[in-house]
Amino acid sequence: MALELSEALQQQLARYNITQFDEVALRQALEKHTTTYTLIKLAEWPARRWKCQYRLMMKESMYDAQNVSEAYAMGLLALLQPAMDKQDRH
C-alpha cells in the first residue's frame, strides 16, 4: 500500500508530536482541536476541475486533498501552526 501522506506533511506533523499518520489517528487528532469540520468526497467533474478528490472545510477555510488522510493533516496543521506561533511569542 502506498503512503497516504507525503514525507513533507509527515515531517510537519512530527513537529507537533503527531507520529501516527493513518486516517483514524489524524481524524482523532483533528477532532481534539476543532469542534466542527466538513469532509466532502468530490464528484467526478469537480475532482477533475480542482484536481483533488476531497475537500475539508473548517471555519472560513477549505483544504483540497487527494485522500482523506491528507485532508485531515492539512486541516490539523492549519490549526496547530497558529497555536504554536502564539506560544512562541510568549
PDB file of N, CA and C in Angstrom:
ATOM      1  N   MET A   1       0.840  -1.197   0.000  1.00  0.00           N
ATOM      2  CA  MET A   1       0.000   0.000   0.000  1.00  0.00           C
ATOM      3  C   MET A   1       0.877   1.250   0.000  1.00  0.00           C
ATOM      4  N   ALA A   2       0.571   2.186  -0.831  1.00  0.00           N
ATOM      5  CA  ALA A   2       1.351   3.419  -0.933  1.00  0.00           C
ATOM      6  C   ALA A   2       1.089   4.311   0.278  1.00  0.00           C
ATOM      7  N   LEU A   3       2.074   5.112   0.618  1.00  0.00           N
ATOM      8  CA  LEU A   3       1.895   6.064   1.707  1.00  0.00           C
ATOM      9  C   LEU A   3       0.816   7.061   1.334  1.00  0.00           C
ATOM     10  N   GLU A   4      -0.050   7.357   2.284  1.00  0.00           N
ATOM     11  CA  GLU A   4      -1.121   8.300   2.004  1.00  0.00           C
ATOM     12  C   GLU A   4      -0.679   9.742   2.224  1.00  0.00           C
ATOM     13  N   LEU A   5       0.369   9.951   3.014  1.00  0.00           N
ATOM     14  CA  LEU A   5       0.852  11.304   3.284  1.00  0.00           C
ATOM     15  C   LEU A   5       2.260  11.470   2.737  1.00  0.00           C
ATOM     16  N   SER A   6       2.511  12.628   2.182  1.00  0.00           N
ATOM     17  CA  SER A   6       3.862  12.909   1.703  1.00  0.00           C
ATOM     18  C   SER A   6       4.796  13.003   2.903  1.00  0.00           C
ATOM     19  N   GLU A   7       6.051  12.804   2.640  1.00  0.00           N
ATOM     20  CA  GLU A   7       7.036  12.895   3.706  1.00  0.00           C
ATOM     21  C   GLU A   7       7.088  14.303   4.297  1.00  0.00           C
ATOM     22  N   ALA A   8       6.876  15.308   3.452  1.00  0.00           N
ATOM     23  CA  ALA A   8       6.885  16.696   3.930  1.00  0.00           C
ATOM     24  C   ALA A   8       5.767  16.919   4.955  1.00  0.00           C
ATOM     25  N   LEU A   9       4.567  16.412   4.674  1.00  0.00           N
ATOM     26  CA  LEU A   9       3.466  16.547   5.631  1.00  0.00           C
ATOM     27  C   LEU A   9       3.762  15.777   6.915  1.00  0.00           C
ATOM     28  N   GLN A  10       4.336  14.589   6.772  1.00  0.00           N
ATOM     29  CA  GLN A  10       4.687  13.797   7.957  1.00  0.00           C
ATOM     30  C   GLN A  10       5.681  14.546   8.839  1.00  0.00           C
ATOM     31  N   GLN A  11       6.673  15.184   8.220  1.00  0.00           N
ATOM     32  CA  GLN A  11       7.667  15.940   8.987  1.00  0.00           C
ATOM     33  C   GLN A  11       7.039  17.139   9.681  1.00  0.00           C
ATOM     34  N   GLN A  12       6.131  17.829   9.001  1.00  0.00           N
ATOM     35  CA  GLN A  12       5.459  18.974   9.620  1.00  0.00           C
ATOM     36  C   GLN A  12       4.626  18.523  10.817  1.00  0.00           C
ATOM     37  N   LEU A  13       3.922  17.420  10.680  1.00  0.00           N
ATOM     38  CA  LEU A  13       3.107  16.913  11.790  1.00  0.00           C
ATOM     39  C   LEU A  13       3.982  16.449  12.947  1.00  0.00           C
ATOM     40  N   ALA A  14       5.128  15.873  12.630  1.00  0.00           N
ATOM     41  CA  ALA A  14       6.031  15.382  13.677  1.00  0.00           C
ATOM     42  C   ALA A  14       6.505  16.522  14.579  1.00  0.00           C
ATOM     43  N   ARG A  15       6.589  17.738  14.056  1.00  0.00           N
ATOM     44  CA  ARG A  15       6.973  18.898  14.881  1.00  0.00           C
ATOM     45  C   ARG A  15       5.974  19.142  16.008  1.00  0.00           C
ATOM     46  N   TYR A  16       4.753  18.669  15.823  1.00  0.00           N
ATOM     47  CA  TYR A  16       3.703  18.838  16.835  1.00  0.00           C
ATOM     48  C   TYR A  16       3.430  17.526  17.568  1.00  0.00           C
ATOM     49  N   ASN A  17       4.421  16.629  17.542  1.00  0.00           N
ATOM     50  CA  ASN A  17       4.347  15.332  18.213  1.00  0.00           C
ATOM     51  C   ASN A  17       3.227  14.443  17.691  1.00  0.00           C
ATOM     52  N   ILE A  18       2.889  14.575  16.439  1.00  0.00           N
ATOM     53  CA  ILE A  18       1.929  13.682  15.802  1.00  0.00           C
ATOM     54  C   ILE A  18       2.739  12.710  14.965  1.00  0.00           C
ATOM     55  N   THR A  19       2.732  11.447  15.391  1.00  0.00           N
ATOM     56  CA  THR A  19       3.580  10.452  14.743  1.00  0.00           C
ATOM     57  C   THR A  19       2.786   9.324  14.097  1.00  0.00           C
ATOM     58  N   GLN A  20       1.493   9.301  14.300  1.00  0.00           N
ATOM     59  CA  GLN A  20       0.652   8.311  13.629  1.00  0.00           C
ATOM     60  C   GLN A  20      -0.037   9.014  12.472  1.00  0.00           C
ATOM     61  N   PHE A  21       0.121   8.478  11.280  1.00  0.00           N
ATOM     62  CA  PHE A  21      -0.327   9.166  10.090  1.00  0.00           C
ATOM     63  C   PHE A  21      -1.469   8.460   9.370  1.00  0.00           C
ATOM     64  N   ASP A  22      -2.095   7.493  10.031  1.00  0.00           N
ATOM     65  CA  ASP A  22      -3.228   6.826   9.396  1.00  0.00           C
ATOM     66  C   ASP A  22      -4.471   7.701   9.521  1.00  0.00           C
ATOM     67  N   GLU A  23      -5.452   7.405   8.724  1.00  0.00           N
ATOM     68  CA  GLU A  23      -6.662   8.218   8.637  1.00  0.00           C
ATOM     69  C   GLU A  23      -7.354   8.386   9.990  1.00  0.00           C
ATOM     70  N   VAL A  24      -7.499   7.313  10.736  1.00  0.00           N
ATOM     71  CA  VAL A  24      -8.217   7.374  12.015  1.00  0.00           C
ATOM     72  C   VAL A  24      -7.462   8.223  13.035  1.00  0.00           C
ATOM     73  N   ALA A  25      -6.165   8.031  13.143  1.00  0.00           N
ATOM     74  CA  ALA A  25      -5.366   8.798  14.108  1.00  0.00           C
ATOM     75  C   ALA A  25      -5.395  10.288  13.768  1.00  0.00           C
ATOM     76  N   LEU A  26      -5.312  10.616  12.491  1.00  0.00           N
ATOM     77  CA  LEU A  26      -5.344  12.022  12.091  1.00  0.00           C
ATOM     78  C   LEU A  26      -6.718  12.639  12.338  1.00  0.00           C
ATOM     79  N   ARG A  27      -7.777  11.879  12.091  1.00  0.00           N
ATOM     80  CA  ARG A  27      -9.135  12.383  12.367  1.00  0.00           C
ATOM     81  C   ARG A  27      -9.310  12.637  13.855  1.00  0.00           C
ATOM     82  N   GLN A  28      -8.844  11.715  14.683  1.00  0.00           N
ATOM     83  CA  GLN A  28      -8.960  11.888  16.130  1.00  0.00           C
ATOM     84  C   GLN A  28      -8.164  13.091  16.614  1.00  0.00           C
ATOM     85  N   ALA A  29      -6.990  13.295  16.069  1.00  0.00           N
ATOM     86  CA  ALA A  29      -6.182  14.463  16.431  1.00  0.00           C
ATOM     87  C   ALA A  29      -6.888  15.749  16.007  1.00  0.00           C
ATOM     88  N   LEU A  30      -7.444  15.753  14.809  1.00  0.00           N
ATOM     89  CA  LEU A  30      -8.164  16.929  14.326  1.00  0.00           C
ATOM     90  C   LEU A  30      -9.348  17.243  15.239  1.00  0.00           C
ATOM     91  N   GLU A  31     -10.071  16.225  15.646  1.00  0.00           N
ATOM     92  CA  GLU A  31     -11.247  16.427  16.488  1.00  0.00           C
ATOM     93  C   GLU A  31     -10.895  16.929  17.888  1.00  0.00           C
ATOM     94  N   LYS A  32      -9.658  16.736  18.313  1.00  0.00           N
ATOM     95  CA  LYS A  32      -9.211  17.292  19.599  1.00  0.00           C
ATOM     96  C   LYS A  32      -9.038  18.804  19.519  1.00  0.00           C
ATOM     97  N   HIS A  33      -8.831  19.330  18.300  1.00  0.00           N
ATOM     98  CA  HIS A  33      -8.505  20.740  18.130  1.00  0.00           C
ATOM     99  C   HIS A  33      -9.611  21.576  17.495  1.00  0.00           C
ATOM    100  N   THR A  34     -10.668  20.940  17.036  1.00  0.00           N
ATOM    101  CA  THR A  34     -11.779  21.685  16.441  1.00  0.00           C
ATOM    102  C   THR A  34     -13.094  20.998  16.756  1.00  0.00           C
ATOM    103  N   THR A  35     -14.126  21.790  16.849  1.00  0.00           N
ATOM    104  CA  THR A  35     -15.430  21.205  17.164  1.00  0.00           C
ATOM    105  C   THR A  35     -16.206  20.829  15.912  1.00  0.00           C
ATOM    106  N   THR A  36     -15.956  21.538  14.815  1.00  0.00           N
ATOM    107  CA  THR A  36     -16.735  21.298  13.606  1.00  0.00           C
ATOM    108  C   THR A  36     -15.850  21.358  12.366  1.00  0.00           C
ATOM    109  N   TYR A  37     -16.083  20.412  11.484  1.00  0.00           N
ATOM    110  CA  TYR A  37     -15.459  20.420  10.165  1.00  0.00           C
ATOM    111  C   TYR A  37     -16.357  19.606   9.241  1.00  0.00           C
ATOM    112  N   THR A  38     -16.184  19.785   7.957  1.00  0.00           N
ATOM    113  CA  THR A  38     -16.933  19.017   6.973  1.00  0.00           C
ATOM    114  C   THR A  38     -15.953  18.461   5.956  1.00  0.00           C
ATOM    115  N   LEU A  39     -16.025  17.156   5.728  1.00  0.00           N
ATOM    116  CA  LEU A  39     -15.187  16.499   4.726  1.00  0.00           C
ATOM    117  C   LEU A  39     -16.100  16.031   3.600  1.00  0.00           C
ATOM    118  N   ILE A  40     -15.763  16.428   2.389  1.00  0.00           N
ATOM    119  CA  ILE A  40     -16.578  16.083   1.229  1.00  0.00           C
ATOM    120  C   ILE A  40     -15.738  15.299   0.236  1.00  0.00           C
ATOM    121  N   LYS A  41     -16.284  14.183  -0.226  1.00  0.00           N
ATOM    122  CA  LYS A  41     -15.672  13.475  -1.350  1.00  0.00           C
ATOM    123  C   LYS A  41     -16.300  14.082  -2.598  1.00  0.00           C
ATOM    124  N   LEU A  42     -15.467  14.651  -3.427  1.00  0.00           N
ATOM    125  CA  LEU A  42     -15.957  15.365  -4.594  1.00  0.00           C
ATOM    126  C   LEU A  42     -16.438  14.409  -5.688  1.00  0.00           C
ATOM    127  N   ALA A  43     -17.456  14.828  -6.392  1.00  0.00           N
ATOM    128  CA  ALA A  43     -17.936  14.076  -7.551  1.00  0.00           C
ATOM    129  C   ALA A  43     -16.885  14.150  -8.655  1.00  0.00           C
ATOM    130  N   GLU A  44     -17.109  13.373  -9.702  1.00  0.00           N
ATOM    131  CA  GLU A  44     -16.107  13.259 -10.758  1.00  0.00           C
ATOM    132  C   GLU A  44     -15.728  14.576 -11.426  1.00  0.00           C
ATOM    133  N   TRP A  45     -16.700  15.376 -11.843  1.00  0.00           N
ATOM    134  CA  TRP A  45     -16.350  16.601 -12.576  1.00  0.00           C
ATOM    135  C   TRP A  45     -15.675  17.646 -11.703  1.00  0.00           C
ATOM    136  N   PRO A  46     -16.106  17.878 -10.432  1.00  0.00           N
ATOM    137  CA  PRO A  46     -15.332  18.846  -9.641  1.00  0.00           C
ATOM    138  C   PRO A  46     -13.934  18.330  -9.303  1.00  0.00           C
ATOM    139  N   ALA A  47     -13.816  17.023  -9.124  1.00  0.00           N
ATOM    140  CA  ALA A  47     -12.494  16.449  -8.833  1.00  0.00           C
ATOM    141  C   ALA A  47     -11.536  16.705  -9.996  1.00  0.00           C
ATOM    142  N   ARG A  48     -12.029  16.561 -11.201  1.00  0.00           N
ATOM    143  CA  ARG A  48     -11.180  16.850 -12.367  1.00  0.00           C
ATOM    144  C   ARG A  48     -10.867  18.339 -12.450  1.00  0.00           C
ATOM    145  N   ARG A  49     -11.872  19.153 -12.218  1.00  0.00           N
ATOM    146  CA  ARG A  49     -11.685  20.605 -12.337  1.00  0.00           C
ATOM    147  C   ARG A  49     -10.686  21.132 -11.299  1.00  0.00           C
ATOM    148  N   TRP A  50     -10.839  20.693 -10.049  1.00  0.00           N
ATOM    149  CA  TRP A  50      -9.996  21.214  -8.971  1.00  0.00           C
ATOM    150  C   TRP A  50      -8.795  20.325  -8.679  1.00  0.00           C
ATOM    151  N   LYS A  51      -8.668  19.233  -9.417  1.00  0.00           N
ATOM    152  CA  LYS A  51      -7.523  18.322  -9.299  1.00  0.00           C
ATOM    153  C   LYS A  51      -7.318  17.822  -7.869  1.00  0.00           C
ATOM    154  N   CYS A  52      -8.422  17.447  -7.237  1.00  0.00           N
ATOM    155  CA  CYS A  52      -8.369  16.865  -5.901  1.00  0.00           C
ATOM    156  C   CYS A  52      -9.573  15.939  -5.743  1.00  0.00           C
ATOM    157  N   GLN A  53      -9.515  15.057  -4.771  1.00  0.00           N
ATOM    158  CA  GLN A  53     -10.598  14.108  -4.538  1.00  0.00           C
ATOM    159  C   GLN A  53     -11.462  14.484  -3.337  1.00  0.00           C
ATOM    160  N   TYR A  54     -10.866  15.197  -2.378  1.00  0.00           N
ATOM    161  CA  TYR A  54     -11.559  15.539  -1.138  1.00  0.00           C
ATOM    162  C   TYR A  54     -11.406  17.018  -0.826  1.00  0.00           C
ATOM    163  N   ARG A  55     -12.384  17.554  -0.137  1.00  0.00           N
ATOM    164  CA  ARG A  55     -12.325  18.939   0.326  1.00  0.00           C
ATOM    165  C   ARG A  55     -12.729  18.944   1.797  1.00  0.00           C
ATOM    166  N   LEU A  56     -11.850  19.501   2.631  1.00  0.00           N
ATOM    167  CA  LEU A  56     -12.121  19.667   4.056  1.00  0.00           C
ATOM    168  C   LEU A  56     -12.453  21.134   4.284  1.00  0.00           C
ATOM    169  N   MET A  57     -13.589  21.383   4.904  1.00  0.00           N
ATOM    170  CA  MET A  57     -13.985  22.757   5.204  1.00  0.00           C
ATOM    171  C   MET A  57     -14.008  22.923   6.715  1.00  0.00           C
ATOM    172  N   MET A  58     -13.321  23.977   7.168  1.00  0.00           N
ATOM    173  CA  MET A  58     -13.222  24.299   8.586  1.00  0.00           C
ATOM    174  C   MET A  58     -13.267  25.804   8.721  1.00  0.00           C
ATOM    175  N   LYS A  59     -14.171  26.278   9.547  1.00  0.00           N
ATOM    176  CA  LYS A  59     -14.335  27.715   9.727  1.00  0.00           C
ATOM    177  C   LYS A  59     -14.475  28.371   8.365  1.00  0.00           C
ATOM    178  N   GLU A  60     -13.640  29.358   8.036  1.00  0.00           N
ATOM    179  CA  GLU A  60     -13.736  30.044   6.740  1.00  0.00           C
ATOM    180  C   GLU A  60     -12.781  29.471   5.706  1.00  0.00           C
ATOM    181  N   SER A  61     -12.142  28.358   6.003  1.00  0.00           N
ATOM    182  CA  SER A  61     -11.103  27.832   5.117  1.00  0.00           C
ATOM    183  C   SER A  61     -11.505  26.513   4.472  1.00  0.00           C
ATOM    184  N   MET A  62     -10.900  26.243   3.312  1.00  0.00           N
ATOM    185  CA  MET A  62     -11.084  24.984   2.605  1.00  0.00           C
ATOM    186  C   MET A  62      -9.706  24.413   2.281  1.00  0.00           C
ATOM    187  N   TYR A  63      -9.595  23.099   2.379  1.00  0.00           N
ATOM    188  CA  TYR A  63      -8.340  22.409   2.096  1.00  0.00           C
ATOM    189  C   TYR A  63      -8.636  21.298   1.104  1.00  0.00           C
ATOM    190  N   ASP A  64      -8.019  21.342  -0.057  1.00  0.00           N
ATOM    191  CA  ASP A  64      -8.209  20.332  -1.090  1.00  0.00           C
ATOM    192  C   ASP A  64      -7.108  19.294  -0.979  1.00  0.00           C
ATOM    193  N   ALA A  65      -7.501  18.014  -1.081  1.00  0.00           N
ATOM    194  CA  ALA A  65      -6.548  16.930  -0.885  1.00  0.00           C
ATOM    195  C   ALA A  65      -6.851  15.763  -1.822  1.00  0.00           C
ATOM    196  N   GLN A  66      -5.860  14.918  -1.984  1.00  0.00           N
ATOM    197  CA  GLN A  66      -6.023  13.730  -2.819  1.00  0.00           C
ATOM    198  C   GLN A  66      -6.630  12.555  -2.050  1.00  0.00           C
ATOM    199  N   ASN A  67      -6.475  12.537  -0.727  1.00  0.00           N
ATOM    200  CA  ASN A  67      -7.051  11.461   0.072  1.00  0.00           C
ATOM    201  C   ASN A  67      -7.474  12.014   1.431  1.00  0.00           C
ATOM    202  N   VAL A  68      -8.175  11.199   2.179  1.00  0.00           N
ATOM    203  CA  VAL A  68      -8.740  11.637   3.455  1.00  0.00           C
ATOM    204  C   VAL A  68      -7.640  11.996   4.450  1.00  0.00           C
ATOM    205  N   SER A  69      -6.610  11.177   4.542  1.00  0.00           N
ATOM    206  CA  SER A  69      -5.522  11.453   5.481  1.00  0.00           C
ATOM    207  C   SER A  69      -4.868  12.793   5.196  1.00  0.00           C
ATOM    208  N   GLU A  70      -4.652  13.083   3.937  1.00  0.00           N
ATOM    209  CA  GLU A  70      -4.043  14.353   3.555  1.00  0.00           C
ATOM    210  C   GLU A  70      -4.941  15.527   3.947  1.00  0.00           C
ATOM    211  N   ALA A  71      -6.248  15.374   3.759  1.00  0.00           N
ATOM    212  CA  ALA A  71      -7.188  16.439   4.127  1.00  0.00           C
ATOM    213  C   ALA A  71      -7.133  16.698   5.631  1.00  0.00           C
ATOM    214  N   TYR A  72      -7.178  15.625   6.424  1.00  0.00           N
ATOM    215  CA  TYR A  72      -7.104  15.787   7.880  1.00  0.00           C
ATOM    216  C   TYR A  72      -5.776  16.422   8.295  1.00  0.00           C
ATOM    217  N   ALA A  73      -4.684  15.993   7.678  1.00  0.00           N
ATOM    218  CA  ALA A  73      -3.363  16.529   8.017  1.00  0.00           C
ATOM    219  C   ALA A  73      -3.285  18.022   7.721  1.00  0.00           C
ATOM    220  N   MET A  74      -3.811  18.434   6.573  1.00  0.00           N
ATOM    221  CA  MET A  74      -3.770  19.843   6.199  1.00  0.00           C
ATOM    222  C   MET A  74      -4.596  20.694   7.168  1.00  0.00           C
ATOM    223  N   GLY A  75      -5.766  20.202   7.536  1.00  0.00           N
ATOM    224  CA  GLY A  75      -6.601  20.916   8.492  1.00  0.00           C
ATOM    225  C   GLY A  75      -5.946  21.000   9.855  1.00  0.00           C
ATOM    226  N   LEU A  76      -5.351  19.904  10.276  1.00  0.00           N
ATOM    227  CA  LEU A  76      -4.676  19.856  11.577  1.00  0.00           C
ATOM    228  C   LEU A  76      -3.508  20.831  11.627  1.00  0.00           C
ATOM    229  N   LEU A  77      -2.725  20.869  10.571  1.00  0.00           N
ATOM    230  CA  LEU A  77      -1.604  21.813  10.527  1.00  0.00           C
ATOM    231  C   LEU A  77      -2.096  23.253  10.561  1.00  0.00           C
ATOM    232  N   ALA A  78      -3.192  23.523   9.890  1.00  0.00           N
ATOM    233  CA  ALA A  78      -3.743  24.880   9.891  1.00  0.00           C
ATOM    234  C   ALA A  78      -4.160  25.302  11.297  1.00  0.00           C
ATOM    235  N   LEU A  79      -4.601  24.354  12.101  1.00  0.00           N
ATOM    236  CA  LEU A  79      -4.989  24.672  13.482  1.00  0.00           C
ATOM    237  C   LEU A  79      -3.780  24.764  14.406  1.00  0.00           C
ATOM    238  N   LEU A  80      -2.800  23.905  14.211  1.00  0.00           N
ATOM    239  CA  LEU A  80      -1.662  23.830  15.129  1.00  0.00           C
ATOM    240  C   LEU A  80      -0.633  24.931  14.902  1.00  0.00           C
ATOM    241  N   GLN A  81      -0.400  25.323  13.676  1.00  0.00           N
ATOM    242  CA  GLN A  81       0.629  26.322  13.402  1.00  0.00           C
ATOM    243  C   GLN A  81       0.351  27.663  14.075  1.00  0.00           C
ATOM    244  N   PRO A  82      -0.873  28.213  13.980  1.00  0.00           N
ATOM    245  CA  PRO A  82      -1.128  29.480  14.682  1.00  0.00           C
ATOM    246  C   PRO A  82      -1.033  29.331  16.204  1.00  0.00           C
ATOM    247  N   ALA A  83      -1.443  28.191  16.739  1.00  0.00           N
ATOM    248  CA  ALA A  83      -1.364  27.970  18.182  1.00  0.00           C
ATOM    249  C   ALA A  83       0.103  27.956  18.631  1.00  0.00           C
ATOM    250  N   MET A  84       0.969  27.338  17.844  1.00  0.00           N
ATOM    251  CA  MET A  84       2.382  27.279  18.177  1.00  0.00           C
ATOM    252  C   MET A  84       3.016  28.664  18.054  1.00  0.00           C
ATOM    253  N   ASP A  85       2.612  29.437  17.063  1.00  0.00           N
ATOM    254  CA  ASP A  85       3.124  30.794  16.893  1.00  0.00           C
ATOM    255  C   ASP A  85       2.787  31.655  18.113  1.00  0.00           C
ATOM    256  N   LYS A  86       1.594  31.502  18.654  1.00  0.00           N
ATOM    257  CA  LYS A  86       1.196  32.260  19.849  1.00  0.00           C
ATOM    258  C   LYS A  86       2.073  31.889  21.039  1.00  0.00           C
ATOM    259  N   GLN A  87       2.365  30.599  21.183  1.00  0.00           N
ATOM    260  CA  GLN A  87       3.209  30.130  22.292  1.00  0.00           C
ATOM    261  C   GLN A  87       4.624  30.699  22.158  1.00  0.00           C
ATOM    262  N   ASP A  88       5.129  30.757  20.936  1.00  0.00           N
ATOM    263  CA  ASP A  88       6.487  31.256  20.712  1.00  0.00           C
ATOM    264  C   ASP A  88       6.613  32.730  21.072  1.00  0.00           C
ATOM    265  N   ARG A  89       5.541  33.496  20.922  1.00  0.00           N
ATOM    266  CA  ARG A  89       5.585  34.929  21.219  1.00  0.00           C
ATOM    267  C   ARG A  89       5.588  35.201  22.716  1.00  0.00           C
ATOM    268  N   HIS A  90       5.105  34.260  23.508  1.00  0.00           N
ATOM    269  CA  HIS A  90       5.018  34.499  24.973  1.00  0.00           C
ATOM    270  C   HIS A  90       6.235  34.005  25.697  1.00  0.00           C
TER     271      HIS A  90
END
